[in-house]
Full PDB file with SEQRES, HELIX, SHEET, SSBOND, CRYST1, ORIGX, SCALE, CONECT and MASTER records, all heavy atoms in Angstrom:
SEQRES   1 A   41  LEU ILE THR ARG ASP ASN ALA LYS ASN THR VAL TYR LEU          
SEQRES   2 A   41  GLN MET ASN SER LEU LYS PRO GLU ASP THR ALA VAL TYR          
SEQRES   3 A   41  TYR CYS TYR GLY ASP PHE PRO PRO TYR GLU TYR TRP GLY          
SEQRES   4 A   41  GLN GLY                                                      
HELIX    1 AA1 ASN A    6  LYS A    8  5                                   3    
HELIX    2 AA2 PRO A   20  ASP A   22  5                                   3    
SHEET    1 AA1 2 ILE A   2  ASP A   5  0                                        
SHEET    2 AA1 2 THR A  10  LEU A  13 -1                                        
SHEET    1 AA2 2 TYR A  29  PHE A  32  0                                        
SHEET    2 AA2 2 TYR A  35  TRP A  38 -1                                        
CRYST1    1.000    1.000    1.000  90.00  90.00  90.00 P 1           1          
ORIGX1      1.000000  0.000000  0.000000        0.00000                         
ORIGX2      0.000000  1.000000  0.000000        0.00000                         
ORIGX3      0.000000  0.000000  1.000000        0.00000                         
SCALE1      1.000000  0.000000  0.000000        0.00000                         
SCALE2      0.000000  1.000000  0.000000        0.00000                         
SCALE3      0.000000  0.000000  1.000000        0.00000                         
ATOM      1  N   LEU A   1       0.835  -1.114  -0.010  1.00  0.00           N  
ATOM      2  CA  LEU A   1       0.008  -0.031  -0.021  1.00  0.00           C  
ATOM      3  C   LEU A   1       0.907   1.204  -0.044  1.00  0.00           C  
ATOM      4  O   LEU A   1       1.717   1.477   0.875  1.00  0.00           O  
ATOM      5  CB  LEU A   1      -0.873   0.029   1.208  1.00  0.00           C  
ATOM      6  CG  LEU A   1      -1.798   1.260   1.364  1.00  0.00           C  
ATOM      7  CD1 LEU A   1      -2.885   1.150   0.238  1.00  0.00           C  
ATOM      8  CD2 LEU A   1      -2.434   1.252   2.763  1.00  0.00           C  
ATOM      9  N   ILE A   2       0.659   2.115  -0.991  1.00  0.00           N  
ATOM     10  CA  ILE A   2       1.378   3.326  -1.033  1.00  0.00           C  
ATOM     11  C   ILE A   2       0.514   4.491  -0.577  1.00  0.00           C  
ATOM     12  O   ILE A   2      -0.643   4.608  -0.961  1.00  0.00           O  
ATOM     13  CB  ILE A   2       1.966   3.644  -2.494  1.00  0.00           C  
ATOM     14  CG1 ILE A   2       2.894   4.907  -2.490  1.00  0.00           C  
ATOM     15  CG2 ILE A   2       0.857   3.795  -3.545  1.00  0.00           C  
ATOM     16  CD1 ILE A   2       3.622   5.024  -3.811  1.00  0.00           C  
ATOM     17  N   THR A   3       1.090   5.353   0.247  1.00  0.00           N  
ATOM     18  CA  THR A   3       0.334   6.492   0.743  1.00  0.00           C  
ATOM     19  C   THR A   3       1.231   7.665   0.809  1.00  0.00           C  
ATOM     20  O   THR A   3       2.451   7.563   0.684  1.00  0.00           O  
ATOM     21  CB  THR A   3      -0.217   6.248   2.203  1.00  0.00           C  
ATOM     22  OG1 THR A   3       0.820   5.879   3.092  1.00  0.00           O  
ATOM     23  CG2 THR A   3      -1.217   5.095   2.287  1.00  0.00           C  
ATOM     24  N   ARG A   4       0.681   8.924   1.018  1.00  0.00           N  
ATOM     25  CA  ARG A   4       1.522  10.061   1.061  1.00  0.00           C  
ATOM     26  C   ARG A   4       1.005  11.034   2.063  1.00  0.00           C  
ATOM     27  O   ARG A   4      -0.213  10.998   2.372  1.00  0.00           O  
ATOM     28  CB  ARG A   4       1.644  10.698  -0.245  1.00  0.00           C  
ATOM     29  CG  ARG A   4       0.485  11.769  -0.636  1.00  0.00           C  
ATOM     30  CD  ARG A   4      -0.644  11.127  -1.439  1.00  0.00           C  
ATOM     31  NE  ARG A   4      -1.579  12.017  -1.826  1.00  0.00           N  
ATOM     32  CZ  ARG A   4      -2.731  12.224  -1.152  1.00  0.00           C  
ATOM     33  NH1 ARG A   4      -2.972  11.616  -0.069  1.00  0.00           N  
ATOM     34  NH2 ARG A   4      -3.581  13.052  -1.680  1.00  0.00           N  
ATOM     35  N   ASP A   5       1.910  11.826   2.670  1.00  0.00           N  
ATOM     36  CA  ASP A   5       1.504  12.831   3.644  1.00  0.00           C  
ATOM     37  C   ASP A   5       1.916  14.190   2.944  1.00  0.00           C  
ATOM     38  O   ASP A   5       3.151  14.472   2.907  1.00  0.00           O  
ATOM     39  CB  ASP A   5       2.299  12.658   4.972  1.00  0.00           C  
ATOM     40  CG  ASP A   5       1.874  13.600   6.022  1.00  0.00           C  
ATOM     41  OD1 ASP A   5       1.538  14.769   5.681  1.00  0.00           O  
ATOM     42  OD2 ASP A   5       1.946  13.306   7.209  1.00  0.00           O  
ATOM     43  N   ASN A   6       0.973  14.817   2.431  1.00  0.00           N  
ATOM     44  CA  ASN A   6       1.264  16.043   1.687  1.00  0.00           C  
ATOM     45  C   ASN A   6       2.001  17.060   2.602  1.00  0.00           C  
ATOM     46  O   ASN A   6       2.913  17.750   2.038  1.00  0.00           O  
ATOM     47  CB  ASN A   6      -0.074  16.717   1.183  1.00  0.00           C  
ATOM     48  CG  ASN A   6      -0.666  15.838   0.109  1.00  0.00           C  
ATOM     49  OD1 ASN A   6      -0.305  14.643  -0.062  1.00  0.00           O  
ATOM     50  ND2 ASN A   6      -1.595  16.448  -0.702  1.00  0.00           N  
ATOM     51  N   ALA A   7       1.625  17.193   3.763  1.00  0.00           N  
ATOM     52  CA  ALA A   7       2.208  18.243   4.672  1.00  0.00           C  
ATOM     53  C   ALA A   7       3.579  18.010   4.934  1.00  0.00           C  
ATOM     54  O   ALA A   7       4.452  18.906   5.155  1.00  0.00           O  
ATOM     55  CB  ALA A   7       1.388  18.351   5.997  1.00  0.00           C  
ATOM     56  N   LYS A   8       4.047  16.660   4.987  1.00  0.00           N  
ATOM     57  CA  LYS A   8       5.416  16.356   5.258  1.00  0.00           C  
ATOM     58  C   LYS A   8       6.177  16.045   3.989  1.00  0.00           C  
ATOM     59  O   LYS A   8       7.348  15.596   4.089  1.00  0.00           O  
ATOM     60  CB  LYS A   8       5.446  15.133   6.172  1.00  0.00           C  
ATOM     61  CG  LYS A   8       4.897  15.355   7.564  1.00  0.00           C  
ATOM     62  CD  LYS A   8       4.896  14.113   8.390  1.00  0.00           C  
ATOM     63  CE  LYS A   8       4.370  14.351   9.796  1.00  0.00           C  
ATOM     64  NZ  LYS A   8       4.467  13.128  10.635  1.00  0.00           N  
ATOM     65  N   ASN A   9       5.565  16.101   2.831  1.00  0.00           N  
ATOM     66  CA  ASN A   9       6.252  15.729   1.575  1.00  0.00           C  
ATOM     67  C   ASN A   9       6.909  14.375   1.686  1.00  0.00           C  
ATOM     68  O   ASN A   9       8.079  14.143   1.307  1.00  0.00           O  
ATOM     69  CB  ASN A   9       7.241  16.811   1.147  1.00  0.00           C  
ATOM     70  CG  ASN A   9       6.657  18.156   0.775  1.00  0.00           C  
ATOM     71  OD1 ASN A   9       5.546  18.180   0.321  1.00  0.00           O  
ATOM     72  ND2 ASN A   9       7.373  19.208   1.021  1.00  0.00           N  
ATOM     73  N   THR A  10       6.074  13.444   2.144  1.00  0.00           N  
ATOM     74  CA  THR A  10       6.612  12.121   2.457  1.00  0.00           C  
ATOM     75  C   THR A  10       5.755  11.051   1.823  1.00  0.00           C  
ATOM     76  O   THR A  10       4.505  11.211   1.903  1.00  0.00           O  
ATOM     77  CB  THR A  10       6.752  11.864   3.958  1.00  0.00           C  
ATOM     78  OG1 THR A  10       7.689  12.763   4.466  1.00  0.00           O  
ATOM     79  CG2 THR A  10       7.222  10.439   4.252  1.00  0.00           C  
ATOM     80  N   VAL A  11       6.299  10.004   1.311  1.00  0.00           N  
ATOM     81  CA  VAL A  11       5.526   8.947   0.787  1.00  0.00           C  
ATOM     82  C   VAL A  11       6.004   7.656   1.524  1.00  0.00           C  
ATOM     83  O   VAL A  11       7.064   7.479   1.929  1.00  0.00           O  
ATOM     84  CB  VAL A  11       5.748   8.765  -0.732  1.00  0.00           C  
ATOM     85  CG1 VAL A  11       7.238   8.375  -1.092  1.00  0.00           C  
ATOM     86  CG2 VAL A  11       4.863   7.738  -1.321  1.00  0.00           C  
ATOM     87  N   TYR A  12       4.974   6.790   1.738  1.00  0.00           N  
ATOM     88  CA  TYR A  12       5.195   5.519   2.513  1.00  0.00           C  
ATOM     89  C   TYR A  12       4.924   4.322   1.677  1.00  0.00           C  
ATOM     90  O   TYR A  12       4.013   4.443   0.723  1.00  0.00           O  
ATOM     91  CB  TYR A  12       4.367   5.456   3.721  1.00  0.00           C  
ATOM     92  CG  TYR A  12       4.535   6.720   4.598  1.00  0.00           C  
ATOM     93  CD1 TYR A  12       3.667   7.799   4.469  1.00  0.00           C  
ATOM     94  CD2 TYR A  12       5.560   6.722   5.522  1.00  0.00           C  
ATOM     95  CE1 TYR A  12       3.829   8.889   5.281  1.00  0.00           C  
ATOM     96  CE2 TYR A  12       5.789   7.852   6.438  1.00  0.00           C  
ATOM     97  CZ  TYR A  12       4.837   8.989   6.258  1.00  0.00           C  
ATOM     98  OH  TYR A  12       4.951  10.031   7.042  1.00  0.00           O  
ATOM     99  N   LEU A  13       5.473   3.179   1.850  1.00  0.00           N  
ATOM    100  CA  LEU A  13       5.172   1.950   1.280  1.00  0.00           C  
ATOM    101  C   LEU A  13       5.099   0.905   2.413  1.00  0.00           C  
ATOM    102  O   LEU A  13       6.049   0.476   2.935  1.00  0.00           O  
ATOM    103  CB  LEU A  13       6.259   1.499   0.290  1.00  0.00           C  
ATOM    104  CG  LEU A  13       5.849   0.311  -0.649  1.00  0.00           C  
ATOM    105  CD1 LEU A  13       4.678   0.574  -1.519  1.00  0.00           C  
ATOM    106  CD2 LEU A  13       7.129  -0.223  -1.397  1.00  0.00           C  
ATOM    107  N   GLN A  14       3.792   0.550   2.652  1.00  0.00           N  
ATOM    108  CA  GLN A  14       3.488  -0.508   3.559  1.00  0.00           C  
ATOM    109  C   GLN A  14       3.532  -1.856   2.874  1.00  0.00           C  
ATOM    110  O   GLN A  14       2.814  -2.057   1.887  1.00  0.00           O  
ATOM    111  CB  GLN A  14       2.210  -0.270   4.281  1.00  0.00           C  
ATOM    112  CG  GLN A  14       1.731  -1.358   5.216  1.00  0.00           C  
ATOM    113  CD  GLN A  14       2.678  -1.435   6.492  1.00  0.00           C  
ATOM    114  OE1 GLN A  14       3.042  -0.400   7.018  1.00  0.00           O  
ATOM    115  NE2 GLN A  14       3.082  -2.699   6.882  1.00  0.00           N  
ATOM    116  N   MET A  15       4.472  -2.667   3.244  1.00  0.00           N  
ATOM    117  CA  MET A  15       4.606  -3.961   2.585  1.00  0.00           C  
ATOM    118  C   MET A  15       4.251  -5.087   3.528  1.00  0.00           C  
ATOM    119  O   MET A  15       4.874  -5.193   4.580  1.00  0.00           O  
ATOM    120  CB  MET A  15       6.054  -4.193   2.060  1.00  0.00           C  
ATOM    121  CG  MET A  15       6.557  -2.984   1.253  1.00  0.00           C  
ATOM    122  SD  MET A  15       8.294  -3.264   0.607  1.00  0.00           S  
ATOM    123  CE  MET A  15       9.249  -3.235   2.101  1.00  0.00           C  
ATOM    124  N   ASN A  16       3.281  -5.850   3.146  1.00  0.00           N  
ATOM    125  CA  ASN A  16       2.670  -6.969   3.996  1.00  0.00           C  
ATOM    126  C   ASN A  16       2.872  -8.328   3.224  1.00  0.00           C  
ATOM    127  O   ASN A  16       3.078  -8.296   1.913  1.00  0.00           O  
ATOM    128  CB  ASN A  16       1.283  -6.755   4.266  1.00  0.00           C  
ATOM    129  CG  ASN A  16       1.021  -5.451   5.120  1.00  0.00           C  
ATOM    130  OD1 ASN A  16       1.753  -5.118   5.915  1.00  0.00           O  
ATOM    131  ND2 ASN A  16      -0.135  -4.803   4.829  1.00  0.00           N  
ATOM    132  N   SER A  17       2.783  -9.351   3.897  1.00  0.00           N  
ATOM    133  CA  SER A  17       2.956 -10.675   3.312  1.00  0.00           C  
ATOM    134  C   SER A  17       4.100 -10.790   2.398  1.00  0.00           C  
ATOM    135  O   SER A  17       4.059 -11.222   1.293  1.00  0.00           O  
ATOM    136  CB  SER A  17       1.653 -11.073   2.543  1.00  0.00           C  
ATOM    137  OG  SER A  17       0.496 -10.969   3.396  1.00  0.00           O  
ATOM    138  N   LEU A  18       5.237 -10.338   2.960  1.00  0.00           N  
ATOM    139  CA  LEU A  18       6.439 -10.317   2.112  1.00  0.00           C  
ATOM    140  C   LEU A  18       6.861 -11.738   1.682  1.00  0.00           C  
ATOM    141  O   LEU A  18       6.763 -12.665   2.492  1.00  0.00           O  
ATOM    142  CB  LEU A  18       7.571  -9.541   2.822  1.00  0.00           C  
ATOM    143  CG  LEU A  18       7.365  -8.045   2.833  1.00  0.00           C  
ATOM    144  CD1 LEU A  18       8.131  -7.434   3.934  1.00  0.00           C  
ATOM    145  CD2 LEU A  18       7.750  -7.524   1.480  1.00  0.00           C  
ATOM    146  N   LYS A  19       7.492 -11.765   0.468  1.00  0.00           N  
ATOM    147  CA  LYS A  19       7.924 -12.988  -0.104  1.00  0.00           C  
ATOM    148  C   LYS A  19       9.427 -12.870  -0.379  1.00  0.00           C  
ATOM    149  O   LYS A  19       9.938 -11.717  -0.630  1.00  0.00           O  
ATOM    150  CB  LYS A  19       7.230 -13.314  -1.391  1.00  0.00           C  
ATOM    151  CG  LYS A  19       5.681 -13.376  -1.228  1.00  0.00           C  
ATOM    152  CD  LYS A  19       5.042 -13.529  -2.626  1.00  0.00           C  
ATOM    153  CE  LYS A  19       3.499 -13.507  -2.553  1.00  0.00           C  
ATOM    154  NZ  LYS A  19       2.874 -13.739  -3.837  1.00  0.00           N  
ATOM    155  N   PRO A  20      10.177 -13.978  -0.458  1.00  0.00           N  
ATOM    156  CA  PRO A  20      11.542 -13.918  -0.798  1.00  0.00           C  
ATOM    157  C   PRO A  20      11.820 -13.154  -2.116  1.00  0.00           C  
ATOM    158  O   PRO A  20      12.841 -12.433  -2.228  1.00  0.00           O  
ATOM    159  CB  PRO A  20      12.038 -15.282  -0.899  1.00  0.00           C  
ATOM    160  CG  PRO A  20      11.085 -16.107   0.033  1.00  0.00           C  
ATOM    161  CD  PRO A  20       9.771 -15.378  -0.091  1.00  0.00           C  
ATOM    162  N   GLU A  21      10.842 -13.264  -3.051  1.00  0.00           N  
ATOM    163  CA  GLU A  21      11.069 -12.577  -4.366  1.00  0.00           C  
ATOM    164  C   GLU A  21      10.841 -11.113  -4.260  1.00  0.00           C  
ATOM    165  O   GLU A  21      11.136 -10.296  -5.237  1.00  0.00           O  
ATOM    166  CB  GLU A  21      10.071 -13.138  -5.417  1.00  0.00           C  
ATOM    167  CG  GLU A  21       8.671 -13.256  -4.979  1.00  0.00           C  
ATOM    168  CD  GLU A  21       8.342 -14.627  -4.502  1.00  0.00           C  
ATOM    169  OE1 GLU A  21       9.086 -15.237  -3.737  1.00  0.00           O  
ATOM    170  OE2 GLU A  21       7.247 -15.117  -4.814  1.00  0.00           O  
ATOM    171  N   ASP A  22      10.469 -10.553  -3.091  1.00  0.00           N  
ATOM    172  CA  ASP A  22      10.353  -9.070  -2.852  1.00  0.00           C  
ATOM    173  C   ASP A  22      11.781  -8.525  -2.488  1.00  0.00           C  
ATOM    174  O   ASP A  22      11.909  -7.338  -2.406  1.00  0.00           O  
ATOM    175  CB  ASP A  22       9.398  -8.746  -1.796  1.00  0.00           C  
ATOM    176  CG  ASP A  22       7.900  -9.156  -2.134  1.00  0.00           C  
ATOM    177  OD1 ASP A  22       7.555  -8.813  -3.363  1.00  0.00           O  
ATOM    178  OD2 ASP A  22       7.274  -9.615  -1.310  1.00  0.00           O  
ATOM    179  N   THR A  23      12.677  -9.395  -2.297  1.00  0.00           N  
ATOM    180  CA  THR A  23      14.092  -9.015  -1.927  1.00  0.00           C  
ATOM    181  C   THR A  23      14.691  -8.100  -2.984  1.00  0.00           C  
ATOM    182  O   THR A  23      14.656  -8.516  -4.198  1.00  0.00           O  
ATOM    183  CB  THR A  23      15.037 -10.175  -1.630  1.00  0.00           C  
ATOM    184  OG1 THR A  23      14.551 -10.833  -0.479  1.00  0.00           O  
ATOM    185  CG2 THR A  23      16.402  -9.773  -1.414  1.00  0.00           C  
ATOM    186  N   ALA A  24      15.051  -6.889  -2.732  1.00  0.00           N  
ATOM    187  CA  ALA A  24      15.615  -5.899  -3.681  1.00  0.00           C  
ATOM    188  C   ALA A  24      16.064  -4.699  -2.925  1.00  0.00           C  
ATOM    189  O   ALA A  24      15.752  -4.490  -1.690  1.00  0.00           O  
ATOM    190  CB  ALA A  24      14.555  -5.588  -4.663  1.00  0.00           C  
ATOM    191  N   VAL A  25      16.767  -3.803  -3.664  1.00  0.00           N  
ATOM    192  CA  VAL A  25      16.952  -2.473  -3.185  1.00  0.00           C  
ATOM    193  C   VAL A  25      15.738  -1.566  -3.705  1.00  0.00           C  
ATOM    194  O   VAL A  25      15.415  -1.678  -4.859  1.00  0.00           O  
ATOM    195  CB  VAL A  25      18.261  -1.840  -3.729  1.00  0.00           C  
ATOM    196  CG1 VAL A  25      18.339  -0.411  -3.290  1.00  0.00           C  
ATOM    197  CG2 VAL A  25      19.453  -2.666  -3.343  1.00  0.00           C  
ATOM    198  N   TYR A  26      15.139  -0.969  -2.724  1.00  0.00           N  
ATOM    199  CA  TYR A  26      13.909  -0.186  -3.071  1.00  0.00           C  
ATOM    200  C   TYR A  26      14.357   1.266  -3.133  1.00  0.00           C  
ATOM    201  O   TYR A  26      15.033   1.816  -2.237  1.00  0.00           O  
ATOM    202  CB  TYR A  26      12.841  -0.420  -2.005  1.00  0.00           C  
ATOM    203  CG  TYR A  26      12.212  -1.741  -2.214  1.00  0.00           C  
ATOM    204  CD1 TYR A  26      12.786  -2.838  -1.753  1.00  0.00           C  
ATOM    205  CD2 TYR A  26      10.846  -1.752  -2.551  1.00  0.00           C  
ATOM    206  CE1 TYR A  26      12.175  -4.152  -2.065  1.00  0.00           C  
ATOM    207  CE2 TYR A  26      10.164  -2.966  -2.741  1.00  0.00           C  
ATOM    208  CZ  TYR A  26      10.834  -4.183  -2.426  1.00  0.00           C  
ATOM    209  OH  TYR A  26      10.213  -5.358  -2.578  1.00  0.00           O  
ATOM    210  N   TYR A  27      13.941   1.940  -4.216  1.00  0.00           N  
ATOM    211  CA  TYR A  27      14.202   3.320  -4.512  1.00  0.00           C  
ATOM    212  C   TYR A  27      12.942   4.114  -4.584  1.00  0.00           C  
ATOM    213  O   TYR A  27      12.019   3.825  -5.153  1.00  0.00           O  
ATOM    214  CB  TYR A  27      14.915   3.470  -5.847  1.00  0.00           C  
ATOM    215  CG  TYR A  27      16.243   2.730  -5.956  1.00  0.00           C  
ATOM    216  CD1 TYR A  27      16.429   1.481  -6.434  1.00  0.00           C  
ATOM    217  CD2 TYR A  27      17.453   3.409  -5.624  1.00  0.00           C  
ATOM    218  CE1 TYR A  27      17.676   0.804  -6.525  1.00  0.00           C  
ATOM    219  CE2 TYR A  27      18.666   2.733  -5.654  1.00  0.00           C  
ATOM    220  CZ  TYR A  27      18.784   1.411  -6.175  1.00  0.00           C  
ATOM    221  OH  TYR A  27      19.975   0.856  -6.306  1.00  0.00           O  
ATOM    222  N   CYS A  28      13.163   5.368  -3.937  1.00  0.00           N  
ATOM    223  CA  CYS A  28      12.104   6.309  -4.086  1.00  0.00           C  
ATOM    224  C   CYS A  28      12.359   7.217  -5.312  1.00  0.00           C  
ATOM    225  O   CYS A  28      13.574   7.582  -5.507  1.00  0.00           O  
ATOM    226  CB  CYS A  28      12.070   7.179  -2.792  1.00  0.00           C  
ATOM    227  SG  CYS A  28      10.864   8.506  -2.771  1.00  0.00           S  
ATOM    228  N   TYR A  29      11.352   7.601  -5.938  1.00  0.00           N  
ATOM    229  CA  TYR A  29      11.498   8.539  -7.098  1.00  0.00           C  
ATOM    230  C   TYR A  29      10.465   9.635  -6.996  1.00  0.00           C  
ATOM    231  O   TYR A  29       9.329   9.443  -6.596  1.00  0.00           O  
ATOM    232  CB  TYR A  29      11.177   7.728  -8.428  1.00  0.00           C  
ATOM    233  CG  TYR A  29      10.805   8.560  -9.625  1.00  0.00           C  
ATOM    234  CD1 TYR A  29      11.890   9.029 -10.391  1.00  0.00           C  
ATOM    235  CD2 TYR A  29       9.553   8.944  -9.928  1.00  0.00           C  
ATOM    236  CE1 TYR A  29      11.593   9.854 -11.595  1.00  0.00           C  
ATOM    237  CE2 TYR A  29       9.257   9.772 -10.906  1.00  0.00           C  
ATOM    238  CZ  TYR A  29      10.267  10.225 -11.856  1.00  0.00           C  
ATOM    239  OH  TYR A  29       9.893  10.949 -12.908  1.00  0.00           O  
ATOM    240  N   GLY A  30      10.831  10.858  -7.373  1.00  0.00           N  
ATOM    241  CA  GLY A  30       9.958  11.917  -7.197  1.00  0.00           C  
ATOM    242  C   GLY A  30       9.844  12.783  -8.512  1.00  0.00           C  
ATOM    243  O   GLY A  30      10.904  13.091  -9.071  1.00  0.00           O  
ATOM    244  N   ASP A  31       8.669  13.145  -8.847  1.00  0.00           N  
ATOM    245  CA  ASP A  31       8.478  14.018 -10.062  1.00  0.00           C  
ATOM    246  C   ASP A  31       8.160  15.306  -9.596  1.00  0.00           C  
ATOM    247  O   ASP A  31       6.984  15.678  -9.148  1.00  0.00           O  
ATOM    248  CB  ASP A  31       7.315  13.450 -10.904  1.00  0.00           C  
ATOM    249  CG  ASP A  31       6.955  14.281 -12.094  1.00  0.00           C  
ATOM    250  OD1 ASP A  31       7.804  15.221 -12.370  1.00  0.00           O  
ATOM    251  OD2 ASP A  31       6.014  13.970 -12.759  1.00  0.00           O  
ATOM    252  N   PHE A  32       9.182  16.257  -9.559  1.00  0.00           N  
ATOM    253  CA  PHE A  32       9.010  17.561  -9.075  1.00  0.00           C  
ATOM    254  C   PHE A  32       9.343  18.594 -10.255  1.00  0.00           C  
ATOM    255  O   PHE A  32      10.460  18.912 -10.464  1.00  0.00           O  
ATOM    256  CB  PHE A  32      10.022  17.817  -7.970  1.00  0.00           C  
ATOM    257  CG  PHE A  32       9.866  16.892  -6.826  1.00  0.00           C  
ATOM    258  CD1 PHE A  32      10.749  15.868  -6.681  1.00  0.00           C  
ATOM    259  CD2 PHE A  32       8.962  17.015  -5.881  1.00  0.00           C  
ATOM    260  CE1 PHE A  32      10.722  14.972  -5.641  1.00  0.00           C  
ATOM    261  CE2 PHE A  32       8.829  16.158  -4.760  1.00  0.00           C  
ATOM    262  CZ  PHE A  32       9.754  15.123  -4.632  1.00  0.00           C  
ATOM    263  N   PRO A  33       8.322  18.775 -11.020  1.00  0.00           N  
ATOM    264  CA  PRO A  33       8.558  19.588 -12.257  1.00  0.00           C  
ATOM    265  C   PRO A  33       9.431  20.879 -12.083  1.00  0.00           C  
ATOM    266  O   PRO A  33       9.246  21.525 -11.050  1.00  0.00           O  
ATOM    267  CB  PRO A  33       7.169  19.978 -12.736  1.00  0.00           C  
ATOM    268  CG  PRO A  33       6.284  18.957 -12.169  1.00  0.00           C  
ATOM    269  CD  PRO A  33       6.872  18.558 -10.814  1.00  0.00           C  
ATOM    270  N   PRO A  34      10.432  21.104 -12.920  1.00  0.00           N  
ATOM    271  CA  PRO A  34      10.692  20.417 -14.070  1.00  0.00           C  
ATOM    272  C   PRO A  34      11.701  19.311 -13.951  1.00  0.00           C  
ATOM    273  O   PRO A  34      12.288  18.923 -14.915  1.00  0.00           O  
ATOM    274  CB  PRO A  34      11.215  21.585 -15.025  1.00  0.00           C  
ATOM    275  CG  PRO A  34      11.956  22.459 -14.014  1.00  0.00           C  
ATOM    276  CD  PRO A  34      11.171  22.432 -12.782  1.00  0.00           C  
ATOM    277  N   TYR A  35      11.950  18.867 -12.680  1.00  0.00           N  
ATOM    278  CA  TYR A  35      13.020  17.881 -12.486  1.00  0.00           C  
ATOM    279  C   TYR A  35      12.398  16.602 -11.924  1.00  0.00           C  
ATOM    280  O   TYR A  35      11.312  16.490 -11.458  1.00  0.00           O  
ATOM    281  CB  TYR A  35      14.084  18.469 -11.514  1.00  0.00           C  
ATOM    282  CG  TYR A  35      14.682  19.771 -11.910  1.00  0.00           C  
ATOM    283  CD1 TYR A  35      14.375  20.991 -11.368  1.00  0.00           C  
ATOM    284  CD2 TYR A  35      15.551  19.754 -12.999  1.00  0.00           C  
ATOM    285  CE1 TYR A  35      14.882  22.172 -11.833  1.00  0.00           C  
ATOM    286  CE2 TYR A  35      16.115  20.952 -13.485  1.00  0.00           C  
ATOM    287  CZ  TYR A  35      15.798  22.174 -12.975  1.00  0.00           C  
ATOM    288  OH  TYR A  35      16.284  23.365 -13.362  1.00  0.00           O  
ATOM    289  N   GLU A  36      13.327  15.527 -11.938  1.00  0.00           N  
ATOM    290  CA  GLU A  36      13.007  14.231 -11.390  1.00  0.00           C  
ATOM    291  C   GLU A  36      14.217  13.934 -10.540  1.00  0.00           C  
ATOM    292  O   GLU A  36      15.357  14.227 -10.818  1.00  0.00           O  
ATOM    293  CB  GLU A  36      12.904  13.216 -12.489  1.00  0.00           C  
ATOM    294  CG  GLU A  36      11.749  13.500 -13.470  1.00  0.00           C  
ATOM    295  CD  GLU A  36      11.662  12.536 -14.596  1.00  0.00           C  
ATOM    296  OE1 GLU A  36      12.702  11.888 -14.831  1.00  0.00           O  
ATOM    297  OE2 GLU A  36      10.698  12.545 -15.343  1.00  0.00           O  
ATOM    298  N   TYR A  37      13.880  13.247  -9.398  1.00  0.00           N  
ATOM    299  CA  TYR A  37      14.935  12.861  -8.441  1.00  0.00           C  
ATOM    300  C   TYR A  37      14.788  11.367  -7.960  1.00  0.00           C  
ATOM    301  O   TYR A  37      13.668  10.863  -7.967  1.00  0.00           O  
ATOM    302  CB  TYR A  37      14.835  13.857  -7.163  1.00  0.00           C  
ATOM    303  CG  TYR A  37      15.149  15.290  -7.560  1.00  0.00           C  
ATOM    304  CD1 TYR A  37      14.026  16.080  -7.834  1.00  0.00           C  
ATOM    305  CD2 TYR A  37      16.425  15.776  -7.595  1.00  0.00           C  
ATOM    306  CE1 TYR A  37      14.256  17.439  -8.105  1.00  0.00           C  
ATOM    307  CE2 TYR A  37      16.641  17.066  -7.869  1.00  0.00           C  
ATOM    308  CZ  TYR A  37      15.603  17.867  -8.125  1.00  0.00           C  
ATOM    309  OH  TYR A  37      15.862  19.286  -8.371  1.00  0.00           O  
ATOM    310  N   TRP A  38      15.897  10.930  -7.612  1.00  0.00           N  
ATOM    311  CA  TRP A  38      15.948   9.510  -6.991  1.00  0.00           C  
ATOM    312  C   TRP A  38      16.549   9.555  -5.591  1.00  0.00           C  
ATOM    313  O   TRP A  38      17.464  10.270  -5.337  1.00  0.00           O  
ATOM    314  CB  TRP A  38      16.755   8.572  -7.955  1.00  0.00           C  
ATOM    315  CG  TRP A  38      16.173   8.273  -9.315  1.00  0.00           C  
ATOM    316  CD1 TRP A  38      16.337   8.946 -10.406  1.00  0.00           C  
ATOM    317  CD2 TRP A  38      15.359   7.119  -9.491  1.00  0.00           C  
ATOM    318  NE1 TRP A  38      15.553   8.358 -11.363  1.00  0.00           N  
ATOM    319  CE2 TRP A  38      14.948   7.291 -10.920  1.00  0.00           C  
ATOM    320  CE3 TRP A  38      14.781   6.141  -8.740  1.00  0.00           C  
ATOM    321  CZ2 TRP A  38      14.134   6.310 -11.503  1.00  0.00           C  
ATOM    322  CZ3 TRP A  38      13.985   5.247  -9.401  1.00  0.00           C  
ATOM    323  CH2 TRP A  38      13.595   5.325 -10.643  1.00  0.00           C  
ATOM    324  N   GLY A  39      16.031   8.669  -4.738  1.00  0.00           N  
ATOM    325  CA  GLY A  39      16.655   8.420  -3.450  1.00  0.00           C  
ATOM    326  C   GLY A  39      17.869   7.505  -3.611  1.00  0.00           C  
ATOM    327  O   GLY A  39      18.175   6.938  -4.762  1.00  0.00           O  
ATOM    328  N   GLN A  40      18.551   7.243  -2.506  1.00  0.00           N  
ATOM    329  CA  GLN A  40      19.739   6.422  -2.505  1.00  0.00           C  
ATOM    330  C   GLN A  40      19.411   4.977  -2.506  1.00  0.00           C  
ATOM    331  O   GLN A  40      20.374   4.173  -2.768  1.00  0.00           O  
ATOM    332  CB  GLN A  40      20.741   6.857  -1.365  1.00  0.00           C  
ATOM    333  CG  GLN A  40      20.335   6.227   0.006  1.00  0.00           C  
ATOM    334  CD  GLN A  40      19.132   6.919   0.654  1.00  0.00           C  
ATOM    335  OE1 GLN A  40      18.552   7.837   0.181  1.00  0.00           O  
ATOM    336  NE2 GLN A  40      18.754   6.416   1.736  1.00  0.00           N  
ATOM    337  N   GLY A  41      18.221   4.560  -2.121  1.00  0.00           N  
ATOM    338  CA  GLY A  41      17.931   3.179  -2.134  1.00  0.00           C  
ATOM    339  C   GLY A  41      17.961   2.554  -0.676  1.00  0.00           C  
ATOM    340  O   GLY A  41      18.855   3.097   0.117  1.00  0.00           O  
TER     341      GLY A  41                                                      
MASTER        0    0    0    2    4    0    0    6  340    1    0    4          
END                                                                             
């Protein structure tokens, strides 16, 4: 489940029933016109 808190400019990813195939580096991406940004993972 992805949610966001507009006041905090924060996005969350609630991950339930995790499986081994969910193993990965997870990256946040933001579309802030006119630019795009990535988190460090």
